[in-house]
Amino acid sequence: MSKLFNSKYSDDSKPLFESWSFSNTNYVLFGIGLMMIILGYLVMNQGPEGVDSFESVTLAPIMLFIGYIIFIPAALLYRDKQPETENN
């Protein structure tokens, strides 16, 4: 198997996708971020007064910012805390 699919932090016999470190929390954060982005674009499109509405100018960019800058990176960077093992 190529080195592309092997993790450099695990043993060579186990491919990267078998030791995937994403947990359910990562997927939930990613889903929330994706929904914020989709809703942000929908709110931007559905502004009642056209281009100059509060939703299109203020609310939608805030929603997009929260989705792109907060939730998606948090989903990629979050790791569950692993119990520390004591070396005797």
Protein backbone atom coordinates (compact mmCIF):
# COMPACT_ATOMS: atom_id res chain seq x y z
CA MET A 1 0.00 0.00 0.00
CA SER A 2 1.28 3.48 -0.74
CA LYS A 3 2.56 5.83 1.94
CA LEU A 4 -0.33 8.18 1.15
CA PHE A 5 -2.78 5.97 3.01
CA ASN A 6 -0.52 5.14 5.95
CA SER A 7 -0.29 7.31 9.04
CA LYS A 8 3.22 8.28 10.03
CA TYR A 9 2.22 8.13 13.71
CA SER A 10 0.95 4.57 13.73
CA ASP A 11 2.54 1.27 12.83
CA ASP A 12 3.00 0.58 9.11
CA SER A 13 0.70 -2.44 9.08
CA LYS A 14 -2.44 -0.39 9.84
CA PRO A 15 -3.77 1.93 7.11
CA LEU A 16 -4.77 5.50 8.00
CA PHE A 17 -8.49 4.97 7.54
CA GLU A 18 -8.57 2.14 10.08
CA SER A 19 -7.10 4.45 12.73
CA TRP A 20 -9.28 7.44 11.82
CA SER A 21 -9.29 9.84 14.76
CA PHE A 22 -12.64 11.56 14.08
CA SER A 23 -15.27 10.93 16.70
CA ASN A 24 -18.99 11.60 16.70
CA THR A 25 -18.28 15.05 18.15
CA ASN A 26 -16.22 15.93 15.09
CA TYR A 27 -19.03 14.92 12.77
CA VAL A 28 -21.61 16.86 14.81
CA LEU A 29 -19.46 20.01 14.72
CA PHE A 30 -18.92 19.60 10.99
CA GLY A 31 -22.66 19.10 10.42
CA ILE A 32 -23.50 22.22 12.43
CA GLY A 33 -20.95 24.20 10.43
CA LEU A 34 -22.32 22.89 7.15
CA MET A 35 -25.88 23.75 8.17
CA MET A 36 -24.80 27.27 9.21
CA ILE A 37 -23.21 27.77 5.81
CA ILE A 38 -26.24 26.49 3.92
CA LEU A 39 -28.61 28.57 6.04
CA GLY A 40 -26.37 31.62 5.59
CA TYR A 41 -26.59 31.38 1.82
CA LEU A 42 -30.35 30.76 1.98
CA VAL A 43 -30.86 33.79 4.24
CA MET A 44 -28.72 35.87 1.91
CA ASN A 45 -30.87 34.80 -1.03
CA GLN A 46 -34.23 35.22 0.74
CA GLY A 47 -33.82 38.78 2.03
CA PRO A 48 -37.31 40.35 1.86
CA GLU A 49 -36.22 43.75 0.51
CA GLY A 50 -33.63 42.57 -1.96
CA VAL A 51 -29.94 43.34 -1.73
CA ASP A 52 -30.12 46.03 0.97
CA SER A 53 -32.04 44.04 3.60
CA PHE A 54 -30.76 43.37 7.12
CA GLU A 55 -30.68 39.64 6.42
CA SER A 56 -28.57 39.96 3.27
CA VAL A 57 -26.13 42.54 4.58
CA THR A 58 -25.71 41.61 8.25
CA LEU A 59 -27.26 38.30 9.33
CA ALA A 60 -26.09 36.08 6.45
CA PRO A 61 -22.40 37.12 6.64
CA ILE A 62 -22.42 36.49 10.40
CA MET A 63 -23.87 33.01 9.84
CA LEU A 64 -21.32 32.28 7.11
CA PHE A 65 -18.49 33.51 9.33
CA ILE A 66 -19.60 31.26 12.19
CA GLY A 67 -19.85 28.27 9.85
CA TYR A 68 -16.58 28.77 7.95
CA ILE A 69 -14.34 30.23 10.66
CA ILE A 70 -15.59 28.63 13.87
CA PHE A 71 -17.40 25.31 13.38
CA ILE A 72 -15.54 23.77 10.42
CA PRO A 73 -12.04 24.38 11.90
CA ALA A 74 -13.29 23.23 15.31
CA ALA A 75 -14.50 20.00 13.71
CA LEU A 76 -11.10 19.44 12.12
CA LEU A 77 -9.04 20.32 15.20
CA TYR A 78 -11.10 18.75 18.02
CA ARG A 79 -9.74 15.59 19.60
CA ASP A 80 -11.25 13.55 22.39
CA LYS A 81 -9.16 13.51 25.51
CA GLN A 82 -7.44 10.17 25.90
CA PRO A 83 -6.67 8.90 29.39
CA GLU A 84 -3.05 9.38 30.28
CA THR A 85 -1.15 6.21 31.03
CA GLU A 86 1.47 6.27 33.73
CA ASN A 87 4.87 4.86 32.85
CA ASN A 88 6.13 2.72 35.73
